[in-house]
Amino acid sequence: MSGTKAPKVPMSPARPQSTGRRKQIVDAALTAMISHGVHNTTTRRIAEAAGVNVATLHYHFHNKEEIIFSAMEELASRYRDTLSAHFSQPQSLRDRIEYLLWFIWGEIKQAPGEQLVLQEMTLYVLRVSHAEHLAAQKEREIKSLYSASMGHCVDVGPDDEAQIEELTDFIYACFVGILNQWLATRDETSLVKTTGNLIEAAQALACKLLPHCSR
């Protein structure tokens, strides 16, 4: 409804000595969701996988949606660390677009369950009336990894932020579709061809949005 903000999922207050146990539960939840799917992963199953009782789980997390939110954050944090470590050397925007997409594809090829569970998380929270805003939050988190990586190129400056965001929107929307198609078909030949086309289109868009980056 226009003008009405979606209520936020209540987050457990910070508790002394709770960080390690919360991460233990989140890691177990990710493992369970990758194995059984988001819908079939109950809080009881998560507790069992984490080696804690249900009461302990609910001491740290109010509900399944809060665990999903934390799992999304954990995946985004892992991806951010991986990208930062891999793309630490100076690179032009044109080269970064190509190497970034092939690198992300390589990571997903090694762990397709994580990509699948991210999509499942999105669909799951969209079905929960008080948690649908988490889907948009997850999209922003993942897209920010693309924009941050491209924004740190040697030929991109602080004044280029809006153009980088527009470029990110295009790349992310297209690439997620390509990856989801691969998850459904496992047709790697098609993925390689389509990703190559996307890279060329994204590089052309980058030249249009940021002409100084084509020099």
C-alpha atoms as a PDB file:
ATOM      1  CA  MET A   1       0.000   0.000   0.000  1.00  0.00           C
ATOM      2  CA  SER A   2       1.382   3.425  -0.924  1.00  0.00           C
ATOM      3  CA  GLY A   3       2.973   5.255   1.969  1.00  0.00           C
ATOM      4  CA  THR A   4       3.038   2.198   4.218  1.00  0.00           C
ATOM      5  CA  LYS A   5       6.403   0.818   5.275  1.00  0.00           C
ATOM      6  CA  ALA A   6       6.818  -2.917   5.572  1.00  0.00           C
ATOM      7  CA  PRO A   7       7.392  -3.915   9.200  1.00  0.00           C
ATOM      8  CA  LYS A   8      10.880  -5.205   9.828  1.00  0.00           C
ATOM      9  CA  VAL A   9      11.635  -8.693  11.034  1.00  0.00           C
ATOM     10  CA  PRO A  10      12.521  -8.313  14.716  1.00  0.00           C
ATOM     11  CA  MET A  11      16.199  -8.849  15.305  1.00  0.00           C
ATOM     12  CA  SER A  12      17.498 -10.421  18.487  1.00  0.00           C
ATOM     13  CA  PRO A  13      19.294  -7.936  20.747  1.00  0.00           C
ATOM     14  CA  ALA A  14      23.038  -8.377  20.976  1.00  0.00           C
ATOM     15  CA  ARG A  15      24.035 -10.694  23.791  1.00  0.00           C
ATOM     16  CA  PRO A  16      27.471 -11.149  25.391  1.00  0.00           C
ATOM     17  CA  GLN A  17      29.438 -14.090  24.017  1.00  0.00           C
ATOM     18  CA  SER A  18      26.743 -14.782  21.406  1.00  0.00           C
ATOM     19  CA  THR A  19      28.621 -14.041  18.169  1.00  0.00           C
ATOM     20  CA  GLY A  20      30.261 -17.452  17.832  1.00  0.00           C
ATOM     21  CA  ARG A  21      27.068 -19.355  18.543  1.00  0.00           C
ATOM     22  CA  ARG A  22      25.063 -17.214  16.103  1.00  0.00           C
ATOM     23  CA  LYS A  23      27.607 -17.905  13.355  1.00  0.00           C
ATOM     24  CA  GLN A  24      27.483 -21.613  14.203  1.00  0.00           C
ATOM     25  CA  ILE A  25      23.710 -21.581  13.705  1.00  0.00           C
ATOM     26  CA  VAL A  26      23.894 -19.528  10.489  1.00  0.00           C
ATOM     27  CA  ASP A  27      26.551 -21.819   8.991  1.00  0.00           C
ATOM     28  CA  ALA A  28      24.434 -24.853   9.889  1.00  0.00           C
ATOM     29  CA  ALA A  29      21.366 -23.187   8.357  1.00  0.00           C
ATOM     30  CA  LEU A  30      23.200 -22.560   5.085  1.00  0.00           C
ATOM     31  CA  THR A  31      24.373 -26.181   4.947  1.00  0.00           C
ATOM     32  CA  ALA A  32      20.848 -27.434   5.674  1.00  0.00           C
ATOM     33  CA  MET A  33      19.215 -25.113   3.137  1.00  0.00           C
ATOM     34  CA  ILE A  34      21.668 -26.078   0.414  1.00  0.00           C
ATOM     35  CA  SER A  35      20.990 -29.759   1.119  1.00  0.00           C
ATOM     36  CA  HIS A  36      17.226 -29.667   1.711  1.00  0.00           C
ATOM     37  CA  GLY A  37      16.002 -26.385   0.243  1.00  0.00           C
ATOM     38  CA  VAL A  38      14.867 -23.279   2.080  1.00  0.00           C
ATOM     39  CA  HIS A  39      11.214 -24.332   2.424  1.00  0.00           C
ATOM     40  CA  ASN A  40      12.066 -27.750   3.901  1.00  0.00           C
ATOM     41  CA  THR A  41      14.629 -26.397   6.344  1.00  0.00           C
ATOM     42  CA  THR A  42      12.811 -25.859   9.638  1.00  0.00           C
ATOM     43  CA  THR A  43      14.233 -24.246  12.745  1.00  0.00           C
ATOM     44  CA  ARG A  44      14.289 -27.704  14.324  1.00  0.00           C
ATOM     45  CA  ARG A  45      16.374 -29.049  11.446  1.00  0.00           C
ATOM     46  CA  ILE A  46      18.709 -26.065  11.734  1.00  0.00           C
ATOM     47  CA  ALA A  47      19.089 -26.639  15.473  1.00  0.00           C
ATOM     48  CA  GLU A  48      19.950 -30.277  14.879  1.00  0.00           C
ATOM     49  CA  ALA A  49      22.505 -29.375  12.213  1.00  0.00           C
ATOM     50  CA  ALA A  50      24.073 -26.796  14.538  1.00  0.00           C
ATOM     51  CA  GLY A  51      24.187 -29.237  17.449  1.00  0.00           C
ATOM     52  CA  VAL A  52      22.025 -27.052  19.692  1.00  0.00           C
ATOM     53  CA  ASN A  53      18.512 -27.400  21.057  1.00  0.00           C
ATOM     54  CA  VAL A  54      15.591 -25.372  19.705  1.00  0.00           C
ATOM     55  CA  ALA A  55      15.476 -23.201  22.822  1.00  0.00           C
ATOM     56  CA  THR A  56      19.101 -22.173  22.276  1.00  0.00           C
ATOM     57  CA  LEU A  57      18.380 -21.375  18.626  1.00  0.00           C
ATOM     58  CA  HIS A  58      15.477 -19.119  19.608  1.00  0.00           C
ATOM     59  CA  TYR A  59      17.650 -17.449  22.233  1.00  0.00           C
ATOM     60  CA  HIS A  60      19.776 -16.152  19.359  1.00  0.00           C
ATOM     61  CA  PHE A  61      17.160 -15.827  16.600  1.00  0.00           C
ATOM     62  CA  HIS A  62      13.462 -15.044  16.883  1.00  0.00           C
ATOM     63  CA  ASN A  63      12.385 -17.020  13.810  1.00  0.00           C
ATOM     64  CA  LYS A  64      13.380 -18.629  10.539  1.00  0.00           C
ATOM     65  CA  GLU A  65      13.157 -15.341   8.624  1.00  0.00           C
ATOM     66  CA  GLU A  66      15.767 -13.771  10.909  1.00  0.00           C
ATOM     67  CA  ILE A  67      18.068 -16.740  10.286  1.00  0.00           C
ATOM     68  CA  ILE A  68      17.551 -16.374   6.523  1.00  0.00           C
ATOM     69  CA  PHE A  69      18.398 -12.680   6.763  1.00  0.00           C
ATOM     70  CA  SER A  70      21.618 -13.519   8.632  1.00  0.00           C
ATOM     71  CA  ALA A  71      22.426 -16.244   6.090  1.00  0.00           C
ATOM     72  CA  MET A  72      22.052 -13.725   3.255  1.00  0.00           C
ATOM     73  CA  GLU A  73      24.426 -11.389   5.093  1.00  0.00           C
ATOM     74  CA  GLU A  74      26.903 -14.220   5.609  1.00  0.00           C
ATOM     75  CA  LEU A  75      26.921 -15.143   1.919  1.00  0.00           C
ATOM     76  CA  ALA A  76      27.311 -11.490   0.893  1.00  0.00           C
ATOM     77  CA  SER A  77      30.216 -11.118   3.349  1.00  0.00           C
ATOM     78  CA  ARG A  78      31.924 -14.211   1.960  1.00  0.00           C
ATOM     79  CA  TYR A  79      31.524 -12.983  -1.625  1.00  0.00           C
ATOM     80  CA  ARG A  80      32.787  -9.508  -0.681  1.00  0.00           C
ATOM     81  CA  ASP A  81      35.931 -10.967   0.907  1.00  0.00           C
ATOM     82  CA  THR A  82      36.527 -13.231  -2.083  1.00  0.00           C
ATOM     83  CA  LEU A  83      36.157 -10.402  -4.602  1.00  0.00           C
ATOM     84  CA  SER A  84      38.352  -8.044  -2.569  1.00  0.00           C
ATOM     85  CA  ALA A  85      41.105 -10.626  -2.370  1.00  0.00           C
ATOM     86  CA  HIS A  86      40.943 -11.559  -6.059  1.00  0.00           C
ATOM     87  CA  PHE A  87      40.633  -8.046  -7.523  1.00  0.00           C
ATOM     88  CA  SER A  88      43.223  -6.258  -5.440  1.00  0.00           C
ATOM     89  CA  GLN A  89      45.348  -5.162  -8.433  1.00  0.00           C
ATOM     90  CA  PRO A  90      44.585  -2.045 -10.557  1.00  0.00           C
ATOM     91  CA  GLN A  91      42.416  -2.727 -13.578  1.00  0.00           C
ATOM     92  CA  SER A  92      40.463  -0.751 -16.179  1.00  0.00           C
ATOM     93  CA  LEU A  93      36.659  -0.847 -16.138  1.00  0.00           C
ATOM     94  CA  ARG A  94      36.555  -2.610 -19.498  1.00  0.00           C
ATOM     95  CA  ASP A  95      38.836  -5.389 -18.258  1.00  0.00           C
ATOM     96  CA  ARG A  96      37.117  -5.546 -14.860  1.00  0.00           C
ATOM     97  CA  ILE A  97      33.716  -6.227 -16.476  1.00  0.00           C
ATOM     98  CA  GLU A  98      35.114  -9.214 -18.345  1.00  0.00           C
ATOM     99  CA  TYR A  99      37.198 -10.675 -15.545  1.00  0.00           C
ATOM    100  CA  LEU A 100      34.518 -10.052 -12.901  1.00  0.00           C
ATOM    101  CA  LEU A 101      31.797 -11.972 -14.725  1.00  0.00           C
ATOM    102  CA  TRP A 102      34.033 -14.904 -15.598  1.00  0.00           C
ATOM    103  CA  PHE A 103      35.317 -15.015 -12.022  1.00  0.00           C
ATOM    104  CA  ILE A 104      31.803 -14.999 -10.554  1.00  0.00           C
ATOM    105  CA  TRP A 105      30.774 -17.735 -12.957  1.00  0.00           C
ATOM    106  CA  GLY A 106      33.769 -19.807 -11.896  1.00  0.00           C
ATOM    107  CA  GLU A 107      32.854 -19.420  -8.234  1.00  0.00           C
ATOM    108  CA  ILE A 108      29.223 -20.397  -8.852  1.00  0.00           C
ATOM    109  CA  LYS A 109      30.261 -23.370 -10.955  1.00  0.00           C
ATOM    110  CA  GLN A 110      32.216 -24.662  -7.950  1.00  0.00           C
ATOM    111  CA  ALA A 111      29.334 -24.093  -5.506  1.00  0.00           C
ATOM    112  CA  PRO A 112      26.031 -23.957  -7.425  1.00  0.00           C
ATOM    113  CA  GLY A 113      24.074 -24.742  -4.272  1.00  0.00           C
ATOM    114  CA  GLU A 114      24.810 -21.281  -2.885  1.00  0.00           C
ATOM    115  CA  GLN A 115      23.384 -19.545  -5.974  1.00  0.00           C
ATOM    116  CA  LEU A 116      20.323 -21.778  -5.857  1.00  0.00           C
ATOM    117  CA  VAL A 117      19.716 -21.146  -2.174  1.00  0.00           C
ATOM    118  CA  LEU A 118      20.013 -17.382  -2.714  1.00  0.00           C
ATOM    119  CA  GLN A 119      17.200 -17.552  -5.266  1.00  0.00           C
ATOM    120  CA  GLU A 120      15.153 -19.757  -2.946  1.00  0.00           C
ATOM    121  CA  MET A 121      15.661 -17.318  -0.082  1.00  0.00           C
ATOM    122  CA  THR A 122      14.338 -14.498  -2.231  1.00  0.00           C
ATOM    123  CA  LEU A 123      11.193 -16.417  -3.188  1.00  0.00           C
ATOM    124  CA  TYR A 124      10.665 -17.589   0.389  1.00  0.00           C
ATOM    125  CA  VAL A 125      10.782 -14.152   1.997  1.00  0.00           C
ATOM    126  CA  LEU A 126       8.555 -12.707  -0.747  1.00  0.00           C
ATOM    127  CA  ARG A 127       5.872 -15.131   0.456  1.00  0.00           C
ATOM    128  CA  VAL A 128       6.137 -13.996   4.078  1.00  0.00           C
ATOM    129  CA  SER A 129       4.051 -10.845   4.624  1.00  0.00           C
ATOM    130  CA  HIS A 130       6.318  -9.312   7.266  1.00  0.00           C
ATOM    131  CA  ALA A 131       9.602 -10.240   5.555  1.00  0.00           C
ATOM    132  CA  GLU A 132       9.201  -9.403   1.864  1.00  0.00           C
ATOM    133  CA  HIS A 133      11.433  -6.334   2.274  1.00  0.00           C
ATOM    134  CA  LEU A 134      14.339  -8.740   2.864  1.00  0.00           C
ATOM    135  CA  ALA A 135      14.219  -9.736  -0.812  1.00  0.00           C
ATOM    136  CA  ALA A 136      14.944  -6.158  -1.875  1.00  0.00           C
ATOM    137  CA  GLN A 137      17.618  -5.894   0.801  1.00  0.00           C
ATOM    138  CA  LYS A 138      19.289  -9.050  -0.463  1.00  0.00           C
ATOM    139  CA  GLU A 139      19.270  -7.706  -4.033  1.00  0.00           C
ATOM    140  CA  ARG A 140      20.905  -4.468  -2.884  1.00  0.00           C
ATOM    141  CA  GLU A 141      23.542  -6.386  -0.926  1.00  0.00           C
ATOM    142  CA  ILE A 142      24.554  -8.592  -3.850  1.00  0.00           C
ATOM    143  CA  LYS A 143      24.407  -5.805  -6.432  1.00  0.00           C
ATOM    144  CA  SER A 144      26.634  -3.671  -4.236  1.00  0.00           C
ATOM    145  CA  LEU A 145      29.385  -6.272  -4.676  1.00  0.00           C
ATOM    146  CA  TYR A 146      29.327  -5.671  -8.452  1.00  0.00           C
ATOM    147  CA  SER A 147      29.198  -1.875  -8.175  1.00  0.00           C
ATOM    148  CA  ALA A 148      31.959  -1.754  -5.548  1.00  0.00           C
ATOM    149  CA  SER A 149      34.233  -3.905  -7.679  1.00  0.00           C
ATOM    150  CA  MET A 150      33.688  -1.777 -10.798  1.00  0.00           C
ATOM    151  CA  GLY A 151      33.794   1.475  -8.844  1.00  0.00           C
ATOM    152  CA  HIS A 152      37.357   0.748  -7.733  1.00  0.00           C
ATOM    153  CA  CYS A 153      38.763   0.577 -11.273  1.00  0.00           C
ATOM    154  CA  VAL A 154      41.651   2.883 -12.166  1.00  0.00           C
ATOM    155  CA  ASP A 155      39.610   4.876 -14.709  1.00  0.00           C
ATOM    156  CA  VAL A 156      36.521   5.336 -12.500  1.00  0.00           C
ATOM    157  CA  GLY A 157      36.171   8.273 -10.137  1.00  0.00           C
ATOM    158  CA  PRO A 158      33.820   9.436  -7.354  1.00  0.00           C
ATOM    159  CA  ASP A 159      31.733  11.431  -9.845  1.00  0.00           C
ATOM    160  CA  ASP A 160      30.951   8.265 -11.813  1.00  0.00           C
ATOM    161  CA  GLU A 161      28.844   6.637  -9.076  1.00  0.00           C
ATOM    162  CA  ALA A 162      25.463   7.079 -10.801  1.00  0.00           C
ATOM    163  CA  GLN A 163      26.756   5.646 -14.074  1.00  0.00           C
ATOM    164  CA  ILE A 164      28.350   2.689 -12.288  1.00  0.00           C
ATOM    165  CA  GLU A 165      25.017   1.970 -10.577  1.00  0.00           C
ATOM    166  CA  GLU A 166      23.226   2.026 -13.937  1.00  0.00           C
ATOM    167  CA  LEU A 167      25.843  -0.289 -15.413  1.00  0.00           C
ATOM    168  CA  THR A 168      25.527  -2.573 -12.393  1.00  0.00           C
ATOM    169  CA  ASP A 169      21.741  -2.779 -12.756  1.00  0.00           C
ATOM    170  CA  PHE A 170      22.130  -3.903 -16.366  1.00  0.00           C
ATOM    171  CA  ILE A 171      24.871  -6.449 -15.702  1.00  0.00           C
ATOM    172  CA  TYR A 172      23.259  -7.891 -12.593  1.00  0.00           C
ATOM    173  CA  ALA A 173      19.787  -8.303 -14.095  1.00  0.00           C
ATOM    174  CA  CYS A 174      21.171 -10.037 -17.181  1.00  0.00           C
ATOM    175  CA  PHE A 175      23.746 -12.182 -15.407  1.00  0.00           C
ATOM    176  CA  VAL A 176      21.311 -13.503 -12.794  1.00  0.00           C
ATOM    177  CA  GLY A 177      19.067 -14.638 -15.650  1.00  0.00           C
ATOM    178  CA  ILE A 178      21.987 -16.376 -17.343  1.00  0.00           C
ATOM    179  CA  LEU A 179      23.022 -18.099 -14.115  1.00  0.00           C
ATOM    180  CA  ASN A 180      19.481 -19.220 -13.320  1.00  0.00           C
ATOM    181  CA  GLN A 181      19.157 -20.634 -16.831  1.00  0.00           C
ATOM    182  CA  TRP A 182      22.334 -22.615 -16.259  1.00  0.00           C
ATOM    183  CA  LEU A 183      21.037 -23.887 -12.906  1.00  0.00           C
ATOM    184  CA  ALA A 184      17.966 -25.205 -14.716  1.00  0.00           C
ATOM    185  CA  THR A 185      19.676 -26.655 -17.794  1.00  0.00           C
ATOM    186  CA  ARG A 186      23.359 -27.088 -16.823  1.00  0.00           C
ATOM    187  CA  ASP A 187      24.102 -26.115 -20.439  1.00  0.00           C
ATOM    188  CA  GLU A 188      27.586 -24.667 -20.023  1.00  0.00           C
ATOM    189  CA  THR A 189      28.081 -24.065 -23.743  1.00  0.00           C
ATOM    190  CA  SER A 190      25.043 -21.788 -23.799  1.00  0.00           C
ATOM    191  CA  LEU A 191      26.194 -19.991 -20.639  1.00  0.00           C
ATOM    192  CA  VAL A 192      29.654 -19.297 -22.052  1.00  0.00           C
ATOM    193  CA  LYS A 193      28.208 -17.911 -25.279  1.00  0.00           C
ATOM    194  CA  THR A 194      25.558 -15.781 -23.573  1.00  0.00           C
ATOM    195  CA  THR A 195      27.981 -14.474 -20.959  1.00  0.00           C
ATOM    196  CA  GLY A 196      30.384 -13.471 -23.729  1.00  0.00           C
ATOM    197  CA  ASN A 197      27.563 -11.530 -25.397  1.00  0.00           C
ATOM    198  CA  LEU A 198      26.691  -9.887 -22.096  1.00  0.00           C
ATOM    199  CA  ILE A 199      30.303  -8.835 -21.543  1.00  0.00           C
ATOM    200  CA  GLU A 200      30.439  -7.174 -24.969  1.00  0.00           C
ATOM    201  CA  ALA A 201      27.113  -5.415 -24.371  1.00  0.00           C
ATOM    202  CA  ALA A 202      28.184  -4.262 -20.899  1.00  0.00           C
ATOM    203  CA  GLN A 203      31.501  -2.943 -22.211  1.00  0.00           C
ATOM    204  CA  ALA A 204      29.631  -1.006 -24.920  1.00  0.00           C
ATOM    205  CA  LEU A 205      27.257   0.428 -22.305  1.00  0.00           C
ATOM    206  CA  ALA A 206      30.225   1.390 -20.139  1.00  0.00           C
ATOM    207  CA  CYS A 207      31.720   3.328 -23.081  1.00  0.00           C
ATOM    208  CA  LYS A 208      28.400   5.104 -23.584  1.00  0.00           C
ATOM    209  CA  LEU A 209      27.885   5.971 -19.904  1.00  0.00           C
ATOM    210  CA  LEU A 210      31.546   6.701 -19.137  1.00  0.00           C
ATOM    211  CA  PRO A 211      33.269   7.796 -22.365  1.00  0.00           C
ATOM    212  CA  HIS A 212      36.527   8.574 -20.533  1.00  0.00           C
ATOM    213  CA  CYS A 213      36.782   4.872 -19.595  1.00  0.00           C
ATOM    214  CA  SER A 214      37.081   3.864 -23.243  1.00  0.00           C
ATOM    215  CA  ARG A 215      40.306   5.767 -23.729  1.00  0.00           C
END
